[in-house]
Amino acid sequence: SMGRADYIRVRLFEKESEWWAEPIIGKSGLIT
């Protein structure tokens, strides 16, 4: 949403010599 900064947890992995960020989808209350 415009006007709001969002911080998304991600997992990093390398693919074809480039780094990719995969969002970790889960409810906000999950520690894992």
All heavy atoms as atom14 arrays in JSON, in Angstrom:
{
  "sequence": "SMGRADYIRVRLFEKESEWWAEPIIGKSGLIT",
  "atom14_mask": [
    [1, 1, 1, 1, 1, 1, 0, 0, 0, 0, 0, 0, 0, 0],
    [1, 1, 1, 1, 1, 1, 1, 1, 0, 0, 0, 0, 0, 0],
    [1, 1, 1, 1, 0, 0, 0, 0, 0, 0, 0, 0, 0, 0],
    [1, 1, 1, 1, 1, 1, 1, 1, 1, 1, 1, 0, 0, 0],
    [1, 1, 1, 1, 1, 0, 0, 0, 0, 0, 0, 0, 0, 0],
    [1, 1, 1, 1, 1, 1, 1, 1, 0, 0, 0, 0, 0, 0],
    [1, 1, 1, 1, 1, 1, 1, 1, 1, 1, 1, 1, 0, 0],
    [1, 1, 1, 1, 1, 1, 1, 1, 0, 0, 0, 0, 0, 0],
    [1, 1, 1, 1, 1, 1, 1, 1, 1, 1, 1, 0, 0, 0],
    [1, 1, 1, 1, 1, 1, 1, 0, 0, 0, 0, 0, 0, 0],
    [1, 1, 1, 1, 1, 1, 1, 1, 1, 1, 1, 0, 0, 0],
    [1, 1, 1, 1, 1, 1, 1, 1, 0, 0, 0, 0, 0, 0],
    [1, 1, 1, 1, 1, 1, 1, 1, 1, 1, 1, 0, 0, 0],
    [1, 1, 1, 1, 1, 1, 1, 1, 1, 0, 0, 0, 0, 0],
    [1, 1, 1, 1, 1, 1, 1, 1, 1, 0, 0, 0, 0, 0],
    [1, 1, 1, 1, 1, 1, 1, 1, 1, 0, 0, 0, 0, 0],
    [1, 1, 1, 1, 1, 1, 0, 0, 0, 0, 0, 0, 0, 0],
    [1, 1, 1, 1, 1, 1, 1, 1, 1, 0, 0, 0, 0, 0],
    [1, 1, 1, 1, 1, 1, 1, 1, 1, 1, 1, 1, 1, 1],
    [1, 1, 1, 1, 1, 1, 1, 1, 1, 1, 1, 1, 1, 1],
    [1, 1, 1, 1, 1, 0, 0, 0, 0, 0, 0, 0, 0, 0],
    [1, 1, 1, 1, 1, 1, 1, 1, 1, 0, 0, 0, 0, 0],
    [1, 1, 1, 1, 1, 1, 1, 0, 0, 0, 0, 0, 0, 0],
    [1, 1, 1, 1, 1, 1, 1, 1, 0, 0, 0, 0, 0, 0],
    [1, 1, 1, 1, 1, 1, 1, 1, 0, 0, 0, 0, 0, 0],
    [1, 1, 1, 1, 0, 0, 0, 0, 0, 0, 0, 0, 0, 0],
    [1, 1, 1, 1, 1, 1, 1, 1, 1, 0, 0, 0, 0, 0],
    [1, 1, 1, 1, 1, 1, 0, 0, 0, 0, 0, 0, 0, 0],
    [1, 1, 1, 1, 0, 0, 0, 0, 0, 0, 0, 0, 0, 0],
    [1, 1, 1, 1, 1, 1, 1, 1, 0, 0, 0, 0, 0, 0],
    [1, 1, 1, 1, 1, 1, 1, 1, 0, 0, 0, 0, 0, 0],
    [1, 1, 1, 1, 1, 1, 1, 0, 0, 0, 0, 0, 0, 0]
  ],
  "atom14_positions": [
    [[0.83, -1.2, 0.0], [0.0, 0.0, 0.0], [0.86, 1.24, 0.0], [1.83, 1.33, 0.76], [-0.92, 0.01, 1.23], [-1.77, -1.11, 1.25], [0.0, 0.0, 0.0], [0.0, 0.0, 0.0], [0.0, 0.0, 0.0], [0.0, 0.0, 0.0], [0.0, 0.0, 0.0], [0.0, 0.0, 0.0], [0.0, 0.0, 0.0], [0.0, 0.0, 0.0]],
    [[0.51, 2.19, -0.83], [1.22, 3.48, -0.85], [1.14, 4.12, 0.53], [0.11, 4.06, 1.2], [0.58, 4.4, -1.88], [0.9, 4.04, -3.32], [2.54, 4.6, -3.81], [2.24, 6.36, -3.95], [0.0, 0.0, 0.0], [0.0, 0.0, 0.0], [0.0, 0.0, 0.0], [0.0, 0.0, 0.0], [0.0, 0.0, 0.0], [0.0, 0.0, 0.0]],
    [[2.25, 4.73, 0.93], [2.28, 5.41, 2.23], [2.67, 4.51, 3.38], [2.74, 4.95, 4.52], [0.0, 0.0, 0.0], [0.0, 0.0, 0.0], [0.0, 0.0, 0.0], [0.0, 0.0, 0.0], [0.0, 0.0, 0.0], [0.0, 0.0, 0.0], [0.0, 0.0, 0.0], [0.0, 0.0, 0.0], [0.0, 0.0, 0.0], [0.0, 0.0, 0.0]],
    [[2.94, 3.23, 3.09], [3.34, 2.28, 4.14], [4.53, 1.47, 3.67], [4.52, 0.91, 2.57], [2.18, 1.33, 4.44], [2.48, 0.32, 5.55], [1.38, -0.71, 5.68], [1.35, -1.62, 4.55], [0.36, -2.49, 4.3], [-0.68, -2.53, 5.1], [0.42, -3.28, 3.25], [0.0, 0.0, 0.0], [0.0, 0.0, 0.0], [0.0, 0.0, 0.0]],
    [[5.58, 1.46, 4.49], [6.75, 0.63, 4.18], [6.5, -0.79, 4.67], [6.11, -0.99, 5.81], [8.0, 1.2, 4.85], [0.0, 0.0, 0.0], [0.0, 0.0, 0.0], [0.0, 0.0, 0.0], [0.0, 0.0, 0.0], [0.0, 0.0, 0.0], [0.0, 0.0, 0.0], [0.0, 0.0, 0.0], [0.0, 0.0, 0.0], [0.0, 0.0, 0.0]],
    [[6.71, -1.76, 3.79], [6.52, -3.17, 4.15], [7.87, -3.87, 4.21], [8.76, -3.62, 3.4], [5.63, -3.87, 3.12], [4.16, -3.54, 3.3], [3.84, -2.86, 4.29], [3.35, -3.92, 2.43], [0.0, 0.0, 0.0], [0.0, 0.0, 0.0], [0.0, 0.0, 0.0], [0.0, 0.0, 0.0], [0.0, 0.0, 0.0], [0.0, 0.0, 0.0]],
    [[7.99, -4.76, 5.19], [9.23, -5.54, 5.36], [8.87, -7.01, 5.23], [8.09, -7.54, 6.03], [9.87, -5.24, 6.72], [10.38, -3.83, 6.81], [9.52, -2.79, 7.18], [11.68, -3.52, 6.5], [9.98, -1.48, 7.25], [12.15, -2.21, 6.56], [11.29, -1.2, 6.94], [11.75, 0.09, 6.99], [0.0, 0.0, 0.0], [0.0, 0.0, 0.0]],
    [[9.4, -7.66, 4.21], [9.04, -9.03, 3.87], [10.21, -9.97, 4.15], [11.33, -9.74, 3.66], [8.66, -9.15, 2.38], [7.64, -8.05, 1.99], [8.12, -10.55, 2.08], [6.34, -8.12, 2.74], [0.0, 0.0, 0.0], [0.0, 0.0, 0.0], [0.0, 0.0, 0.0], [0.0, 0.0, 0.0], [0.0, 0.0, 0.0], [0.0, 0.0, 0.0]],
    [[10.0, -10.99, 4.95], [11.05, -11.98, 5.23], [11.27, -12.86, 4.0], [10.31, -13.29, 3.36], [10.66, -12.85, 6.43], [10.53, -12.04, 7.71], [9.75, -12.77, 8.77], [9.37, -11.85, 9.84], [8.4, -12.07, 10.71], [7.71, -13.18, 10.65], [8.13, -11.2, 11.65], [0.0, 0.0, 0.0], [0.0, 0.0, 0.0], [0.0, 0.0, 0.0]],
    [[12.54, -13.1, 3.69], [12.85, -13.85, 2.47], [13.95, -14.87, 2.72], [14.74, -14.75, 3.65], [13.29, -12.92, 1.32], [12.17, -12.01, 0.88], [14.53, -12.11, 1.72], [0.0, 0.0, 0.0], [0.0, 0.0, 0.0], [0.0, 0.0, 0.0], [0.0, 0.0, 0.0], [0.0, 0.0, 0.0], [0.0, 0.0, 0.0], [0.0, 0.0, 0.0]],
    [[13.95, -15.88, 1.85], [15.04, -16.86, 1.79], [15.86, -16.55, 0.55], [15.32, -16.3, -0.52], [14.47, -18.28, 1.68], [15.53, -19.37, 1.61], [14.89, -20.75, 1.49], [14.26, -20.96, 0.19], [14.88, -21.41, -0.89], [16.18, -21.68, -0.85], [14.23, -21.58, -2.03], [0.0, 0.0, 0.0], [0.0, 0.0, 0.0], [0.0, 0.0, 0.0]],
    [[17.18, -16.53, 0.7], [18.07, -16.25, -0.42], [18.56, -17.55, -1.06], [18.87, -18.51, -0.36], [19.28, -15.44, 0.04], [19.02, -14.01, 0.51], [20.28, -13.42, 1.11], [18.51, -13.15, -0.64], [0.0, 0.0, 0.0], [0.0, 0.0, 0.0], [0.0, 0.0, 0.0], [0.0, 0.0, 0.0], [0.0, 0.0, 0.0], [0.0, 0.0, 0.0]],
    [[18.61, -17.57, -2.38], [19.21, -18.69, -3.06], [19.82, -18.2, -4.38], [19.44, -17.14, -4.9], [18.21, -19.82, -3.32], [17.09, -19.47, -4.26], [17.17, -19.75, -5.61], [15.93, -18.86, -3.79], [16.15, -19.44, -6.48], [14.89, -18.54, -4.65], [15.0, -18.82, -5.99], [0.0, 0.0, 0.0], [0.0, 0.0, 0.0], [0.0, 0.0, 0.0]],
    [[20.79, -18.96, -4.87], [21.49, -18.58, -6.09], [20.98, -19.41, -7.26], [20.83, -20.63, -7.16], [23.0, -18.79, -5.92], [23.84, -18.09, -6.98], [25.33, -18.15, -6.66], [25.7, -18.86, -5.7], [26.1, -17.48, -7.36], [0.0, 0.0, 0.0], [0.0, 0.0, 0.0], [0.0, 0.0, 0.0], [0.0, 0.0, 0.0], [0.0, 0.0, 0.0]],
    [[20.69, -18.72, -8.35], [20.2, -19.4, -9.56], [20.82, -18.73, -10.77], [20.67, -17.52, -10.96], [18.67, -19.31, -9.61], [18.04, -19.95, -10.85], [16.54, -19.75, -10.82], [15.88, -20.3, -12.08], [14.41, -20.08, -12.08], [0.0, 0.0, 0.0], [0.0, 0.0, 0.0], [0.0, 0.0, 0.0], [0.0, 0.0, 0.0], [0.0, 0.0, 0.0]],
    [[21.54, -19.52, -11.57], [22.17, -19.02, -12.79], [23.01, -17.78, -12.52], [22.91, -16.75, -13.2], [21.12, -18.75, -13.87], [20.35, -19.98, -14.29], [19.25, -19.7, -15.3], [18.98, -18.51, -15.55], [18.67, -20.68, -15.82], [0.0, 0.0, 0.0], [0.0, 0.0, 0.0], [0.0, 0.0, 0.0], [0.0, 0.0, 0.0], [0.0, 0.0, 0.0]],
    [[23.83, -17.89, -11.44], [24.78, -16.84, -11.06], [24.12, -15.54, -10.61], [24.76, -14.49, -10.58], [25.76, -16.54, -12.21], [26.49, -17.7, -12.57], [0.0, 0.0, 0.0], [0.0, 0.0, 0.0], [0.0, 0.0, 0.0], [0.0, 0.0, 0.0], [0.0, 0.0, 0.0], [0.0, 0.0, 0.0], [0.0, 0.0, 0.0], [0.0, 0.0, 0.0]],
    [[22.86, -15.6, -10.23], [22.17, -14.43, -9.69], [21.51, -14.8, -8.38], [21.1, -15.96, -8.16], [21.1, -13.91, -10.66], [21.65, -13.24, -11.89], [20.54, -12.55, -12.66], [19.59, -13.24, -13.09], [20.6, -11.32, -12.82], [0.0, 0.0, 0.0], [0.0, 0.0, 0.0], [0.0, 0.0, 0.0], [0.0, 0.0, 0.0], [0.0, 0.0, 0.0]],
    [[21.4, -13.82, -7.5], [20.73, -14.05, -6.22], [19.24, -13.74, -6.35], [18.84, -12.75, -6.96], [21.35, -13.19, -5.12], [22.68, -13.72, -4.7], [23.91, -13.3, -5.08], [22.9, -14.82, -3.79], [24.9, -14.06, -4.5], [24.31, -14.99, -3.71], [22.06, -15.65, -3.07], [24.87, -15.98, -2.92], [22.63, -16.64, -2.29], [24.02, -16.79, -2.21]],
    [[18.45, -14.63, -5.77], [16.99, -14.49, -5.77], [16.5, -14.45, -4.32], [17.09, -15.08, -3.44], [16.33, -15.65, -6.51], [16.51, -15.58, -7.99], [17.63, -15.89, -8.71], [15.53, -15.17, -8.95], [17.41, -15.71, -10.05], [16.12, -15.26, -10.23], [14.21, -14.72, -8.85], [15.44, -14.92, -11.39], [13.53, -14.39, -10.02], [14.14, -14.49, -11.27]],
    [[15.43, -13.74, -4.12], [14.81, -13.65, -2.79], [13.41, -14.23, -2.87], [12.56, -13.74, -3.62], [14.75, -12.19, -2.33], [0.0, 0.0, 0.0], [0.0, 0.0, 0.0], [0.0, 0.0, 0.0], [0.0, 0.0, 0.0], [0.0, 0.0, 0.0], [0.0, 0.0, 0.0], [0.0, 0.0, 0.0], [0.0, 0.0, 0.0], [0.0, 0.0, 0.0]],
    [[13.2, -15.3, -2.11], [11.89, -15.97, -2.09], [11.14, -15.58, -0.82], [11.6, -15.89, 0.29], [12.07, -17.48, -2.13], [10.75, -18.25, -2.09], [10.97, -19.74, -2.04], [12.05, -20.16, -1.56], [10.07, -20.48, -2.44], [0.0, 0.0, 0.0], [0.0, 0.0, 0.0], [0.0, 0.0, 0.0], [0.0, 0.0, 0.0], [0.0, 0.0, 0.0]],
    [[10.01, -14.9, -0.94], [9.26, -14.51, 0.27], [8.85, -15.74, 1.08], [8.47, -16.77, 0.52], [8.03, -13.79, -0.3], [8.46, -13.32, -1.66], [9.39, -14.38, -2.17], [0.0, 0.0, 0.0], [0.0, 0.0, 0.0], [0.0, 0.0, 0.0], [0.0, 0.0, 0.0], [0.0, 0.0, 0.0], [0.0, 0.0, 0.0], [0.0, 0.0, 0.0]],
    [[8.99, -15.63, 2.39], [8.56, -16.7, 3.29], [7.15, -16.37, 3.73], [6.92, -15.42, 4.49], [9.51, -16.82, 4.49], [10.9, -17.25, 4.0], [8.97, -17.81, 5.51], [11.93, -17.3, 5.08], [0.0, 0.0, 0.0], [0.0, 0.0, 0.0], [0.0, 0.0, 0.0], [0.0, 0.0, 0.0], [0.0, 0.0, 0.0], [0.0, 0.0, 0.0]],
    [[6.22, -17.13, 3.22], [4.81, -16.87, 3.48], [4.4, -17.56, 4.77], [4.68, -18.74, 4.98], [3.93, -17.36, 2.32], [4.42, -16.75, 0.99], [2.48, -17.02, 2.58], [4.42, -15.23, 0.99], [0.0, 0.0, 0.0], [0.0, 0.0, 0.0], [0.0, 0.0, 0.0], [0.0, 0.0, 0.0], [0.0, 0.0, 0.0], [0.0, 0.0, 0.0]],
    [[3.77, -16.83, 5.63], [3.31, -17.39, 6.9], [2.63, -16.33, 7.72], [2.81, -15.13, 7.5], [0.0, 0.0, 0.0], [0.0, 0.0, 0.0], [0.0, 0.0, 0.0], [0.0, 0.0, 0.0], [0.0, 0.0, 0.0], [0.0, 0.0, 0.0], [0.0, 0.0, 0.0], [0.0, 0.0, 0.0], [0.0, 0.0, 0.0], [0.0, 0.0, 0.0]],
    [[1.83, -16.77, 8.65], [1.12, -15.82, 9.51], [2.11, -15.07, 10.4], [3.15, -15.6, 10.78], [0.09, -16.56, 10.34], [-0.99, -17.21, 9.47], [-1.84, -18.19, 10.24], [-2.84, -18.88, 9.32], [-3.58, -19.96, 9.98], [0.0, 0.0, 0.0], [0.0, 0.0, 0.0], [0.0, 0.0, 0.0], [0.0, 0.0, 0.0], [0.0, 0.0, 0.0]],
    [[1.76, -13.84, 10.72], [2.71, -12.97, 11.42], [3.12, -13.51, 12.77], [4.17, -13.16, 13.28], [2.1, -11.57, 11.59], [0.91, -11.63, 12.35], [0.0, 0.0, 0.0], [0.0, 0.0, 0.0], [0.0, 0.0, 0.0], [0.0, 0.0, 0.0], [0.0, 0.0, 0.0], [0.0, 0.0, 0.0], [0.0, 0.0, 0.0], [0.0, 0.0, 0.0]],
    [[2.31, -14.38, 13.36], [2.63, -14.89, 14.69], [3.58, -16.07, 14.7], [3.94, -16.57, 15.76], [0.0, 0.0, 0.0], [0.0, 0.0, 0.0], [0.0, 0.0, 0.0], [0.0, 0.0, 0.0], [0.0, 0.0, 0.0], [0.0, 0.0, 0.0], [0.0, 0.0, 0.0], [0.0, 0.0, 0.0], [0.0, 0.0, 0.0], [0.0, 0.0, 0.0]],
    [[4.02, -16.54, 13.51], [4.85, -17.74, 13.46], [6.32, -17.4, 13.69], [6.91, -16.61, 12.94], [4.69, -18.44, 12.11], [3.28, -18.92, 11.75], [3.31, -19.66, 10.42], [2.71, -19.81, 12.85], [0.0, 0.0, 0.0], [0.0, 0.0, 0.0], [0.0, 0.0, 0.0], [0.0, 0.0, 0.0], [0.0, 0.0, 0.0], [0.0, 0.0, 0.0]],
    [[6.91, -17.99, 14.71], [8.33, -17.76, 15.01], [9.22, -18.3, 13.9], [10.25, -17.72, 13.57], [8.69, -18.43, 16.35], [7.87, -17.82, 17.49], [10.18, -18.29, 16.66], [7.97, -18.59, 18.78], [0.0, 0.0, 0.0], [0.0, 0.0, 0.0], [0.0, 0.0, 0.0], [0.0, 0.0, 0.0], [0.0, 0.0, 0.0], [0.0, 0.0, 0.0]],
    [[8.83, -19.42, 13.32], [9.7, -20.09, 12.35], [9.89, -19.3, 11.06], [10.83, -19.56, 10.32], [9.15, -21.49, 12.03], [7.74, -21.41, 11.82], [9.46, -22.45, 13.14], [0.0, 0.0, 0.0], [0.0, 0.0, 0.0], [0.0, 0.0, 0.0], [0.0, 0.0, 0.0], [0.0, 0.0, 0.0], [0.0, 0.0, 0.0], [0.0, 0.0, 0.0]]
  ]
}
